[in-house]
Amino acid sequence: MDALPPYDVIVIGTGAGGGTLAHRLAPSGKRVLVLERGDYLPRERDNWDSTAVFVKAKYRAPEFWLDRHGNEFPPEVNYYVGGNTKFYGAALFRLRPEDFGELRHHDGISPAWPLVYDDLEPYYTQAEHLYLVHGRHGEDPWEGPCSAQYAYPPVEHEPRIEQLSVDLEKQGLHPFHLPIGVNLTQDEGGRATHGSVCIRCDRVDGFPCLVRAKSDAQVICVEPALEHPNVEMITNARVTRLETDATGRTVTGVVAELPGEREARFSADVVVVACGAVNSAALLLASANDRHPRGLANSSDVVGRHYMRHNNLALMAVSKEPNGTRFQKTLALHDWYLGADDWEYPLGGIQMLGKSDAEQIHGEAPRWAGAVSPDMPFEVLAHHAVDFWLCGEDLPQPDNRVTLEDGGRIRLTLDEGNNIAGLQRLRHKLQHMLGHLGMHEHRLLSRSIYLHKGMPIGATAHQAGTVRFGTDPASSALDVNCKAHDLDNLYVVDTSFFPSIGAVNPSLTAIANALRVGDHLLERLG
């Protein structure tokens, strides 16, 4: 085994948490090593090919996890520099202030965080500016207070989505411009200018960006961090375990498999895990030793538990008029986020998805046979599609958990019916409005191809909650600074730390928290 000289900080993972943390630490002069299990995503035409990305899942990790029954399924994970942000839709929402407190849902309680919205607010602003988020604070009546406006104006609606916004307002609702991270400069008509990096194409959602215009962690954070001589990165380095000293209080070794079946051992004053909620929990569990028989940071037995992934629906409505929109992901609606006149519990949020194209429609064709009338063949359907993403809160159940089988294989146990009543009501709200929104009534088709062929357990893009933080070491693995209660130099900064997940995409909260923890580490390291 190769033993390499010590660093000040080792960061394991390069996604929204790890990549952002490396960027925060880079100007300090501290010696930082970043370990990434994947390589750089190849830049090729298939990046923007629907069949390659969605139907054939060319870039998905070639691995299978087990469900609670022992059946294999392909998780929605991508191991590349930038992590899952290479494929995310770059919708960068803040959690609502209420999300940080205890919220009562139909099926249980969403627990309070050990900090409040105001603690994270300055970092939300920094995160929005760093990730080039385009939006307009003040449009959503239910958002929290903001110390600064977005640095970039909202991405303008194209005509069909502008009409949708107007029609929603006529229903007494409050649509707003979806906050999205893209490197876009618009002219007065909302079109991409000649010098804009983003070209306002229809490939923003679920595709890697071939022109590097999407605000992913590689482009925004990792590459700028590597410009500093004190920051190094090793790709194709899969960390298999963490070693501790005899007291069990200090991580002394980070063991990784390198190409050629070579094993290397690294050490640092501080070790930060940011592998994604499932893989971070798996790494801590795989690092069990005499002092930590249930896994590192796991004296509370919560590591791997309380897994959350949102309750999601990807739906396609059929517009009566053709929908010529290309960049469709510009609108969101949170009127029922915390409840409705006819329902006392939170429902969740509605936002636009990237525009369906003919290849995606054909990929759904076997499931839709009989659901689409002969007068609207699939090619016509693609030109009339208007695509929505419905997101409801998933509650942190202790038995929804990550465990390891013999040999280290991941098992993900999940109750797929957890707290779905609100999401079902949200769908009905949308369904009943279709006629008022210029859509064909009763034509609301599921886009399961966006949720890995209708397998909810495989839709792991919003994974969170497996290494939760809190003030009580008996019920949490991390303290408020995301340091393990049980160890002096181990931190976790991906979405694992979430005690609850709210009903918006978790990426901006992971980014903001990484900036917050980065400031704590800079103070700790002097």
Protein backbone atom coordinates (compact mmCIF):
# COMPACT_ATOMS: atom_id res chain seq x y z
CA MET A 1 0.00 0.00 0.00
CA ASP A 2 1.30 3.44 -0.92
CA ALA A 3 1.48 5.88 2.01
CA LEU A 4 1.41 9.52 1.00
CA PRO A 5 2.38 12.59 3.05
CA PRO A 6 -0.23 14.26 5.26
CA TYR A 7 -2.53 17.06 4.16
CA ASP A 8 -4.41 19.69 6.11
CA VAL A 9 -7.77 18.56 4.70
CA ILE A 10 -8.92 15.60 2.62
CA VAL A 11 -12.28 16.03 0.85
CA ILE A 12 -13.88 12.83 -0.44
CA GLY A 13 -16.28 13.66 -3.26
CA THR A 14 -16.65 16.59 -5.68
CA GLY A 15 -20.39 17.26 -5.84
CA ALA A 16 -22.44 20.11 -4.42
CA GLY A 17 -21.00 19.56 -0.94
CA GLY A 18 -17.43 18.42 -1.52
CA GLY A 19 -16.71 20.52 -4.59
CA THR A 20 -18.05 23.66 -2.92
CA LEU A 21 -16.07 23.02 0.26
CA ALA A 22 -12.84 22.59 -1.72
CA HIS A 23 -13.53 25.91 -3.43
CA ARG A 24 -14.03 27.60 -0.04
CA LEU A 25 -10.78 26.21 1.36
CA ALA A 26 -8.65 26.76 -1.73
CA PRO A 27 -7.59 30.41 -1.15
CA SER A 28 -6.46 29.64 2.42
CA GLY A 29 -3.10 28.16 1.43
CA LYS A 30 -3.93 25.01 3.38
CA ARG A 31 -2.91 21.80 1.67
CA VAL A 32 -6.12 20.22 0.38
CA LEU A 33 -6.47 16.83 -1.30
CA VAL A 34 -9.68 16.02 -3.16
CA LEU A 35 -10.46 12.37 -3.88
CA GLU A 36 -13.01 11.53 -6.58
CA ARG A 37 -14.04 7.96 -7.35
CA GLY A 38 -14.87 8.82 -10.97
CA ASP A 39 -13.14 10.65 -13.79
CA TYR A 40 -14.05 13.70 -15.82
CA LEU A 41 -17.24 13.20 -17.80
CA PRO A 42 -16.29 12.80 -21.48
CA ARG A 43 -17.41 15.71 -23.65
CA GLU A 44 -19.16 14.15 -26.63
CA ARG A 45 -22.33 14.47 -28.68
CA ASP A 46 -24.04 11.82 -26.57
CA ASN A 47 -24.06 14.33 -23.69
CA TRP A 48 -27.10 15.86 -25.38
CA ASP A 49 -28.66 12.71 -26.83
CA SER A 50 -31.93 11.69 -25.15
CA THR A 51 -31.60 8.05 -26.08
CA ALA A 52 -28.07 7.85 -24.67
CA VAL A 53 -28.84 9.74 -21.48
CA PHE A 54 -32.37 8.63 -20.59
CA VAL A 55 -33.20 5.45 -22.50
CA LYS A 56 -29.79 3.72 -22.44
CA ALA A 57 -28.55 5.48 -19.26
CA LYS A 58 -25.07 5.68 -20.76
CA TYR A 59 -23.60 7.79 -17.96
CA ARG A 60 -25.28 6.14 -14.98
CA ALA A 61 -22.92 4.25 -12.69
CA PRO A 62 -22.72 0.60 -13.83
CA GLU A 63 -23.75 -0.80 -10.48
CA PHE A 64 -26.81 -2.28 -8.83
CA TRP A 65 -28.00 -1.92 -5.25
CA LEU A 66 -30.43 -4.22 -3.45
CA ASP A 67 -33.89 -3.27 -2.23
CA ARG A 68 -35.40 -4.54 1.01
CA HIS A 69 -36.44 -7.79 -0.69
CA GLY A 70 -32.97 -8.42 -2.07
CA ASN A 71 -33.91 -7.48 -5.64
CA GLU A 72 -31.39 -5.55 -7.70
CA PHE A 73 -32.12 -2.07 -9.03
CA PRO A 74 -30.01 0.56 -10.85
CA PRO A 75 -29.63 3.71 -8.72
CA GLU A 76 -29.67 7.15 -10.28
CA VAL A 77 -26.04 7.94 -9.44
CA ASN A 78 -23.22 9.31 -11.58
CA TYR A 79 -19.58 9.06 -10.57
CA TYR A 80 -17.80 11.94 -12.26
CA VAL A 81 -15.97 15.08 -11.22
CA GLY A 82 -18.85 17.32 -10.12
CA GLY A 83 -20.90 14.37 -8.88
CA ASN A 84 -24.61 14.36 -9.58
CA THR A 85 -24.53 18.09 -10.33
CA LYS A 86 -23.28 17.12 -13.79
CA PHE A 87 -26.82 15.85 -14.44
CA TYR A 88 -29.01 17.90 -12.13
CA GLY A 89 -31.50 20.43 -13.42
CA ALA A 90 -29.71 23.28 -11.60
CA ALA A 91 -32.96 24.34 -9.86
CA LEU A 92 -31.46 26.06 -6.83
CA PHE A 93 -34.19 26.81 -4.26
CA ARG A 94 -33.82 27.84 -0.65
CA LEU A 95 -35.69 25.85 1.96
CA ARG A 96 -38.50 27.87 3.53
CA PRO A 97 -38.06 29.19 7.09
CA GLU A 98 -40.81 26.81 8.19
CA ASP A 99 -38.78 23.87 6.88
CA PHE A 100 -36.21 24.46 9.64
CA GLY A 101 -38.85 24.03 12.35
CA GLU A 102 -41.05 21.10 13.22
CA LEU A 103 -43.78 20.59 10.62
CA ARG A 104 -46.80 18.33 11.00
CA HIS A 105 -47.59 16.22 7.93
CA HIS A 106 -50.39 13.78 7.18
CA ASP A 107 -48.19 10.78 7.99
CA GLY A 108 -46.03 12.22 10.77
CA ILE A 109 -43.64 14.93 11.86
CA SER A 110 -40.90 16.58 9.86
CA PRO A 111 -38.37 17.32 12.64
CA ALA A 112 -36.77 20.67 13.41
CA TRP A 113 -33.17 21.44 12.49
CA PRO A 114 -30.59 22.41 15.13
CA LEU A 115 -30.25 25.78 13.40
CA VAL A 116 -32.77 28.20 11.91
CA TYR A 117 -33.22 29.81 8.51
CA ASP A 118 -31.46 33.00 9.62
CA ASP A 119 -28.31 31.01 10.44
CA LEU A 120 -28.07 29.78 6.87
CA GLU A 121 -29.43 32.86 5.08
CA PRO A 122 -26.08 34.64 4.49
CA TYR A 123 -24.70 31.43 3.02
CA TYR A 124 -27.75 31.00 0.80
CA THR A 125 -26.95 34.41 -0.67
CA GLN A 126 -23.29 33.50 -1.16
CA ALA A 127 -24.29 30.19 -2.74
CA GLU A 128 -26.70 31.89 -5.15
CA HIS A 129 -24.04 34.32 -6.28
CA LEU A 130 -21.31 31.66 -6.57
CA TYR A 131 -23.52 29.32 -8.63
CA LEU A 132 -24.77 32.11 -10.93
CA VAL A 133 -28.38 31.62 -9.91
CA HIS A 134 -30.86 33.58 -12.04
CA GLY A 135 -34.07 34.57 -10.31
CA ARG A 136 -35.93 37.37 -8.56
CA HIS A 137 -36.49 37.40 -4.82
CA GLY A 138 -39.88 38.77 -3.85
CA GLU A 139 -41.95 37.01 -6.53
CA ASP A 140 -42.72 34.03 -4.31
CA PRO A 141 -44.81 35.37 -1.39
CA TRP A 142 -43.82 32.43 0.83
CA GLU A 143 -40.04 32.56 0.51
CA GLY A 144 -37.92 33.59 3.49
CA PRO A 145 -36.29 37.00 3.93
CA CYS A 146 -33.26 37.61 1.73
CA SER A 147 -30.27 39.82 2.54
CA ALA A 148 -29.48 40.41 -1.14
CA GLN A 149 -31.17 40.07 -4.51
CA TYR A 150 -30.01 37.42 -6.95
CA ALA A 151 -26.95 38.63 -8.83
CA TYR A 152 -28.56 37.67 -12.15
CA PRO A 153 -32.06 38.39 -13.49
CA PRO A 154 -34.49 35.52 -13.98
CA VAL A 155 -34.39 33.44 -17.12
CA GLU A 156 -37.25 34.89 -19.15
CA HIS A 157 -40.22 32.72 -20.03
CA GLU A 158 -40.72 31.70 -23.63
CA PRO A 159 -44.21 32.52 -25.02
CA ARG A 160 -46.03 29.31 -24.05
CA ILE A 161 -44.67 29.40 -20.49
CA GLU A 162 -45.39 33.11 -20.21
CA GLN A 163 -49.00 32.31 -21.12
CA LEU A 164 -49.02 29.55 -18.51
CA SER A 165 -47.83 32.07 -15.91
CA VAL A 166 -50.59 34.50 -16.89
CA ASP A 167 -53.22 31.74 -16.76
CA LEU A 168 -52.05 30.65 -13.30
CA GLU A 169 -52.31 34.22 -12.06
CA LYS A 170 -55.88 34.34 -13.40
CA GLN A 171 -56.61 31.41 -11.08
CA GLY A 172 -55.49 33.56 -8.15
CA LEU A 173 -52.12 31.79 -7.84
CA HIS A 174 -48.58 33.17 -7.53
CA PRO A 175 -46.23 31.63 -10.12
CA PHE A 176 -42.65 32.86 -9.98
CA HIS A 177 -39.46 32.54 -11.99
CA LEU A 178 -37.68 29.32 -11.08
CA PRO A 179 -34.20 30.02 -9.64
CA ILE A 180 -31.73 28.26 -11.90
CA GLY A 181 -27.95 28.16 -12.10
CA VAL A 182 -26.81 28.87 -15.66
CA ASN A 183 -24.13 31.08 -17.20
CA LEU A 184 -26.61 33.00 -19.35
CA THR A 185 -26.63 36.54 -20.68
CA GLN A 186 -29.99 37.56 -22.20
CA ASP A 187 -30.94 40.33 -24.58
CA GLU A 188 -34.08 42.44 -24.16
CA GLY A 189 -36.19 39.65 -25.66
CA GLY A 190 -34.77 37.03 -23.33
CA ARG A 191 -32.65 35.39 -26.03
CA ALA A 192 -29.07 34.35 -25.39
CA THR A 193 -26.67 37.09 -26.47
CA HIS A 194 -23.83 36.44 -28.88
CA GLY A 195 -21.36 36.18 -26.02
CA SER A 196 -23.52 34.11 -23.67
CA VAL A 197 -22.11 30.74 -22.61
CA CYS A 198 -25.63 29.31 -22.20
CA ILE A 199 -27.52 29.09 -25.49
CA ARG A 200 -31.00 28.50 -23.97
CA CYS A 201 -31.28 25.01 -25.42
CA ASP A 202 -33.62 22.19 -24.41
CA ARG A 203 -30.90 20.09 -22.76
CA VAL A 204 -30.68 21.70 -19.32
CA ASP A 205 -32.57 19.11 -17.29
CA GLY A 206 -30.99 15.70 -16.74
CA PHE A 207 -28.27 16.19 -19.35
CA PRO A 208 -24.64 17.16 -18.78
CA CYS A 209 -23.94 20.54 -20.37
CA LEU A 210 -21.75 20.19 -23.43
CA VAL A 211 -20.94 23.93 -23.52
CA ARG A 212 -20.20 24.15 -19.75
CA ALA A 213 -23.00 26.65 -19.18
CA LYS A 214 -24.79 24.82 -16.37
CA SER A 215 -23.59 25.69 -12.87
CA ASP A 216 -22.29 22.29 -11.88
CA ALA A 217 -19.71 21.77 -9.14
CA GLN A 218 -16.94 20.89 -11.57
CA VAL A 219 -17.20 24.10 -13.56
CA ILE A 220 -18.09 26.46 -10.70
CA CYS A 221 -15.92 25.10 -7.88
CA VAL A 222 -13.55 22.23 -8.59
CA GLU A 223 -11.69 23.66 -11.54
CA PRO A 224 -11.23 27.12 -9.94
CA ALA A 225 -10.04 25.42 -6.74
CA LEU A 226 -7.42 23.43 -8.67
CA GLU A 227 -5.92 26.67 -9.94
CA HIS A 228 -4.49 27.09 -6.43
CA PRO A 229 -1.15 25.26 -6.03
CA ASN A 230 -2.16 24.00 -2.56
CA VAL A 231 -5.11 22.00 -3.93
CA GLU A 232 -4.66 18.58 -5.54
CA MET A 233 -7.21 16.15 -6.94
CA ILE A 234 -6.90 12.44 -7.64
CA THR A 235 -9.57 10.95 -9.87
CA ASN A 236 -10.53 7.28 -10.14
CA ALA A 237 -9.83 6.98 -6.40
CA ARG A 238 -12.60 5.02 -4.69
CA VAL A 239 -12.31 5.40 -0.93
CA THR A 240 -13.06 2.05 0.72
CA ARG A 241 -12.54 2.76 4.42
CA LEU A 242 -11.40 5.25 7.02
CA GLU A 243 -8.94 4.18 9.72
CA THR A 244 -8.66 5.61 13.24
CA ASP A 245 -6.02 5.70 15.95
CA ALA A 246 -6.16 3.39 18.95
CA THR A 247 -8.41 5.77 20.88
CA GLY A 248 -10.96 5.83 18.06
CA ARG A 249 -11.20 9.62 18.29
CA THR A 250 -9.11 10.55 15.24
CA VAL A 251 -9.24 9.46 11.61
CA THR A 252 -5.63 8.68 10.74
CA GLY A 253 -5.98 7.07 7.33
CA VAL A 254 -8.10 7.34 4.19
CA VAL A 255 -7.72 4.15 2.17
CA ALA A 256 -8.54 4.28 -1.54
CA GLU A 257 -8.45 1.91 -4.48
CA LEU A 258 -6.61 3.39 -7.46
CA PRO A 259 -6.45 2.14 -11.05
CA GLY A 260 -4.52 -1.07 -11.51
CA GLU A 261 -5.91 -2.52 -8.26
CA ARG A 262 -3.42 -0.40 -6.35
CA GLU A 263 -4.32 0.66 -2.82
CA ALA A 264 -3.18 3.98 -1.38
CA ARG A 265 -3.42 5.46 2.10
CA PHE A 266 -3.74 9.20 2.71
CA SER A 267 -3.83 11.20 5.92
CA ALA A 268 -4.88 14.69 6.95
CA ASP A 269 -5.61 16.79 10.02
CA VAL A 270 -9.26 16.94 8.92
CA VAL A 271 -11.19 14.42 6.81
CA VAL A 272 -14.43 15.45 5.09
CA VAL A 273 -16.82 12.88 3.62
CA ALA A 274 -19.06 14.07 0.75
CA CYS A 275 -19.89 10.97 -1.29
CA GLY A 276 -23.66 11.41 -1.43
CA ALA A 277 -26.06 10.37 1.29
CA VAL A 278 -26.06 6.67 0.44
CA ASN A 279 -22.35 6.24 -0.24
CA SER A 280 -21.28 8.44 2.69
CA ALA A 281 -23.29 6.26 5.05
CA ALA A 282 -21.91 3.15 3.38
CA LEU A 283 -18.33 4.38 3.83
CA LEU A 284 -18.85 5.08 7.53
CA LEU A 285 -20.46 1.67 8.03
CA ALA A 286 -17.66 -0.05 6.12
CA SER A 287 -15.10 1.62 8.39
CA ALA A 288 -16.21 -0.23 11.53
CA ASN A 289 -13.42 -1.21 13.92
CA ASP A 290 -12.99 -2.29 17.55
CA ARG A 291 -13.67 1.20 18.85
CA HIS A 292 -16.56 1.76 16.45
CA PRO A 293 -18.16 -1.68 15.99
CA ARG A 294 -21.29 -0.27 14.28
CA GLY A 295 -19.31 2.01 11.97
CA LEU A 296 -17.68 5.40 12.35
CA ALA A 297 -19.73 8.22 13.90
CA ASN A 298 -22.41 5.68 14.76
CA SER A 299 -22.61 5.33 18.54
CA SER A 300 -26.19 6.61 18.13
CA ASP A 301 -27.02 3.92 15.54
CA VAL A 302 -28.42 6.57 13.17
CA VAL A 303 -25.83 6.26 10.38
CA GLY A 304 -27.64 4.92 7.33
CA ARG A 305 -31.06 5.59 8.86
CA HIS A 306 -33.66 8.28 8.03
CA TYR A 307 -32.97 8.07 4.30
CA MET A 308 -35.06 10.56 2.29
CA ARG A 309 -35.40 11.19 -1.44
CA HIS A 310 -38.56 13.32 -1.84
CA ASN A 311 -41.90 12.13 -3.15
CA ASN A 312 -41.73 13.11 -6.80
CA LEU A 313 -43.94 12.99 -9.87
CA ALA A 314 -42.75 13.84 -13.36
CA LEU A 315 -45.87 14.63 -15.39
CA MET A 316 -46.58 15.69 -18.95
CA ALA A 317 -49.65 17.71 -19.86
CA VAL A 318 -50.83 18.15 -23.44
CA SER A 319 -51.23 21.72 -24.62
CA LYS A 320 -54.09 22.53 -27.00
CA GLU A 321 -51.68 24.80 -28.85
CA PRO A 322 -48.20 23.62 -29.89
CA ASN A 323 -45.51 24.25 -27.29
CA GLY A 324 -42.46 25.57 -29.12
CA THR A 325 -40.55 26.19 -25.88
CA ARG A 326 -36.95 25.07 -25.77
CA PHE A 327 -35.74 26.30 -22.38
CA GLN A 328 -38.84 25.31 -20.41
CA LYS A 329 -37.42 25.22 -16.87
CA THR A 330 -38.34 28.80 -15.90
CA LEU A 331 -41.48 28.65 -13.73
CA ALA A 332 -42.45 27.36 -10.29
CA LEU A 333 -45.51 27.49 -8.03
CA HIS A 334 -45.53 27.18 -4.23
CA ASP A 335 -49.07 28.26 -3.31
CA TRP A 336 -49.74 24.89 -1.65
CA TYR A 337 -46.25 24.30 -0.27
CA LEU A 338 -47.41 24.44 3.36
CA GLY A 339 -51.09 23.58 2.93
CA ALA A 340 -54.34 24.47 1.19
CA ASP A 341 -57.87 25.65 2.02
CA ASP A 342 -59.06 22.05 1.86
CA TRP A 343 -56.02 20.36 3.42
CA GLU A 344 -54.22 21.34 6.62
CA TYR A 345 -50.95 19.58 5.78
CA PRO A 346 -48.17 20.56 3.34
CA LEU A 347 -48.67 19.49 -0.28
CA GLY A 348 -45.36 20.54 -1.87
CA GLY A 349 -44.29 22.49 -4.93
CA ILE A 350 -44.72 22.48 -8.69
CA GLN A 351 -42.00 23.43 -11.13
CA MET A 352 -41.31 23.03 -14.82
CA LEU A 353 -39.16 20.23 -16.20
CA GLY A 354 -36.96 20.31 -19.26
CA LYS A 355 -38.96 19.99 -22.47
CA SER A 356 -39.92 16.48 -23.62
CA ASP A 357 -38.60 15.56 -27.06
CA ALA A 358 -39.52 12.84 -29.54
CA GLU A 359 -36.92 10.37 -28.25
CA GLN A 360 -38.19 10.65 -24.68
CA ILE A 361 -41.80 10.31 -25.84
CA HIS A 362 -40.91 7.16 -27.78
CA GLY A 363 -39.12 5.83 -24.71
CA GLU A 364 -42.42 6.09 -22.83
CA ALA A 365 -44.48 4.67 -25.71
CA PRO A 366 -44.90 1.11 -24.36
CA ARG A 367 -46.40 2.45 -21.11
CA TRP A 368 -48.63 4.96 -22.85
CA ALA A 369 -50.16 2.55 -25.34
CA GLY A 370 -53.90 3.10 -25.08
CA ALA A 371 -53.49 6.33 -23.09
CA VAL A 372 -52.95 8.45 -26.20
CA SER A 373 -55.68 8.68 -28.81
CA PRO A 374 -54.98 7.85 -32.49
CA ASP A 375 -55.57 11.48 -33.47
CA MET A 376 -52.42 12.47 -31.60
CA PRO A 377 -49.49 10.21 -32.53
CA PHE A 378 -46.33 10.39 -30.47
CA GLU A 379 -44.59 12.83 -32.82
CA VAL A 380 -47.46 15.31 -32.46
CA LEU A 381 -47.59 14.70 -28.72
CA ALA A 382 -43.96 15.80 -28.41
CA HIS A 383 -44.82 19.18 -29.98
CA HIS A 384 -47.69 19.72 -27.54
CA ALA A 385 -46.01 18.48 -24.34
CA VAL A 386 -45.77 20.73 -21.28
CA ASP A 387 -43.75 19.10 -18.54
CA PHE A 388 -44.15 19.47 -14.77
CA TRP A 389 -42.24 18.25 -11.74
CA LEU A 390 -44.21 17.82 -8.51
CA CYS A 391 -42.20 17.55 -5.31
CA GLY A 392 -43.53 16.60 -1.88
CA GLU A 393 -41.73 16.02 1.38
CA ASP A 394 -40.52 12.56 2.31
CA LEU A 395 -40.38 12.00 6.07
CA PRO A 396 -37.24 10.66 7.81
CA GLN A 397 -38.23 7.18 8.96
CA PRO A 398 -35.57 5.26 10.93
CA ASP A 399 -36.28 2.06 9.01
CA ASN A 400 -35.70 3.74 5.64
CA ARG A 401 -32.03 3.01 5.69
CA VAL A 402 -28.74 2.07 4.08
CA THR A 403 -27.08 -1.15 5.21
CA LEU A 404 -24.21 -3.24 3.88
CA GLU A 405 -24.40 -6.87 2.84
CA ASP A 406 -21.48 -9.26 3.16
CA GLY A 407 -18.87 -8.06 0.70
CA GLY A 408 -19.92 -4.44 1.15
CA ARG A 409 -22.85 -4.38 -1.25
CA ILE A 410 -25.38 -1.62 -0.58
CA ARG A 411 -28.93 -2.47 0.46
CA LEU A 412 -31.46 0.37 0.46
CA THR A 413 -34.60 -0.33 2.46
CA LEU A 414 -37.40 2.06 1.56
CA ASP A 415 -41.10 2.44 2.30
CA GLU A 416 -42.24 3.92 -1.00
CA GLY A 417 -45.65 4.92 0.37
CA ASN A 418 -44.34 7.32 3.00
CA ASN A 419 -46.35 10.58 3.22
CA ILE A 420 -47.65 10.54 -0.36
CA ALA A 421 -51.15 11.90 0.35
CA GLY A 422 -50.05 15.51 -0.05
CA LEU A 423 -48.37 14.78 -3.37
CA GLN A 424 -51.51 13.05 -4.64
CA ARG A 425 -53.55 16.13 -3.72
CA LEU A 426 -51.00 18.33 -5.49
CA ARG A 427 -51.45 16.26 -8.62
CA HIS A 428 -55.23 16.67 -8.37
CA LYS A 429 -54.81 20.45 -8.03
CA LEU A 430 -52.85 20.50 -11.28
CA GLN A 431 -55.17 18.05 -12.99
CA HIS A 432 -58.26 20.15 -12.23
CA MET A 433 -56.64 23.30 -13.60
CA LEU A 434 -55.62 21.90 -16.99
CA GLY A 435 -58.67 23.22 -18.82
CA HIS A 436 -57.99 26.73 -17.47
CA LEU A 437 -54.34 26.50 -18.51
CA GLY A 438 -54.89 25.77 -22.19
CA MET A 439 -54.29 22.03 -21.75
CA HIS A 440 -56.35 19.00 -22.67
CA GLU A 441 -58.24 17.97 -19.55
CA HIS A 442 -57.53 14.52 -18.12
CA ARG A 443 -54.35 14.24 -20.22
CA LEU A 444 -51.67 14.18 -17.52
CA LEU A 445 -49.21 11.41 -18.31
CA SER A 446 -46.48 10.09 -16.04
CA ARG A 447 -42.92 10.55 -17.26
CA SER A 448 -41.46 7.51 -15.58
CA ILE A 449 -38.44 7.60 -17.86
CA TYR A 450 -37.36 10.61 -15.82
CA LEU A 451 -37.75 8.51 -12.66
CA HIS A 452 -35.84 5.49 -13.92
CA LYS A 453 -38.64 3.57 -15.59
CA GLY A 454 -41.16 4.08 -12.81
CA MET A 455 -39.04 2.60 -10.03
CA PRO A 456 -39.26 5.12 -7.18
CA ILE A 457 -36.44 3.48 -5.25
CA GLY A 458 -34.11 4.06 -8.20
CA ALA A 459 -34.76 7.81 -8.23
CA THR A 460 -31.95 8.69 -5.83
CA ALA A 461 -31.06 12.13 -7.22
CA HIS A 462 -32.40 13.90 -4.09
CA GLN A 463 -30.97 11.43 -1.57
CA ALA A 464 -30.49 12.87 1.93
CA GLY A 465 -30.59 12.29 5.64
CA THR A 466 -28.43 9.26 6.43
CA VAL A 467 -25.88 10.99 8.71
CA ARG A 468 -28.11 13.60 10.34
CA PHE A 469 -26.80 16.47 12.43
CA GLY A 470 -28.15 17.62 15.80
CA THR A 471 -27.27 18.70 19.31
CA ASP A 472 -27.88 15.33 20.99
CA PRO A 473 -25.23 12.64 20.34
CA ALA A 474 -27.82 10.00 21.26
CA SER A 475 -30.03 10.85 18.28
CA SER A 476 -27.64 12.34 15.70
CA ALA A 477 -24.29 11.50 14.17
CA LEU A 478 -22.97 15.05 13.60
CA ASP A 479 -22.89 18.25 15.60
CA VAL A 480 -24.14 21.60 14.28
CA ASN A 481 -20.85 22.14 12.41
CA CYS A 482 -21.28 18.74 10.73
CA LYS A 483 -18.42 17.21 12.73
CA ALA A 484 -18.97 13.68 13.98
CA HIS A 485 -19.87 13.61 17.69
CA ASP A 486 -17.68 10.54 18.13
CA LEU A 487 -14.54 11.78 16.38
CA ASP A 488 -12.47 14.94 16.55
CA ASN A 489 -11.54 15.39 12.88
CA LEU A 490 -14.31 13.82 10.77
CA TYR A 491 -16.93 15.93 8.96
CA VAL A 492 -19.76 15.16 6.50
CA VAL A 493 -20.91 17.91 4.10
CA ASP A 494 -23.18 16.41 1.47
CA THR A 495 -26.96 16.09 1.96
CA SER A 496 -26.44 13.32 4.52
CA PHE A 497 -26.66 15.88 7.33
CA PHE A 498 -30.30 16.86 6.59
CA PRO A 499 -32.71 16.04 9.49
CA SER A 500 -35.60 16.75 7.06
CA ILE A 501 -35.69 17.50 3.35
CA GLY A 502 -38.49 20.01 2.76
CA ALA A 503 -40.10 19.96 -0.68
CA VAL A 504 -37.53 21.69 -2.87
CA ASN A 505 -34.39 20.46 -4.59
CA PRO A 506 -31.69 20.04 -1.89
CA SER A 507 -28.65 21.24 -3.86
CA LEU A 508 -28.60 24.91 -2.81
CA THR A 509 -28.89 23.95 0.87
CA ALA A 510 -25.98 21.51 0.47
CA ILE A 511 -23.94 24.26 -1.22
CA ALA A 512 -24.78 26.87 1.42
CA ASN A 513 -23.97 24.46 4.23
CA ALA A 514 -20.62 23.57 2.63
CA LEU A 515 -19.73 27.26 2.62
CA ARG A 516 -20.77 27.49 6.28
CA VAL A 517 -18.72 24.45 7.29
CA GLY A 518 -15.84 25.76 5.18
CA ASP A 519 -15.76 28.93 7.27
CA HIS A 520 -15.76 26.80 10.44
CA LEU A 521 -12.84 24.73 9.13
CA LEU A 522 -10.86 27.82 8.15
CA GLU A 523 -11.25 29.08 11.71
CA ARG A 524 -10.31 25.68 13.12
CA LEU A 525 -7.21 25.41 10.93
CA GLY A 526 -6.12 28.94 11.70
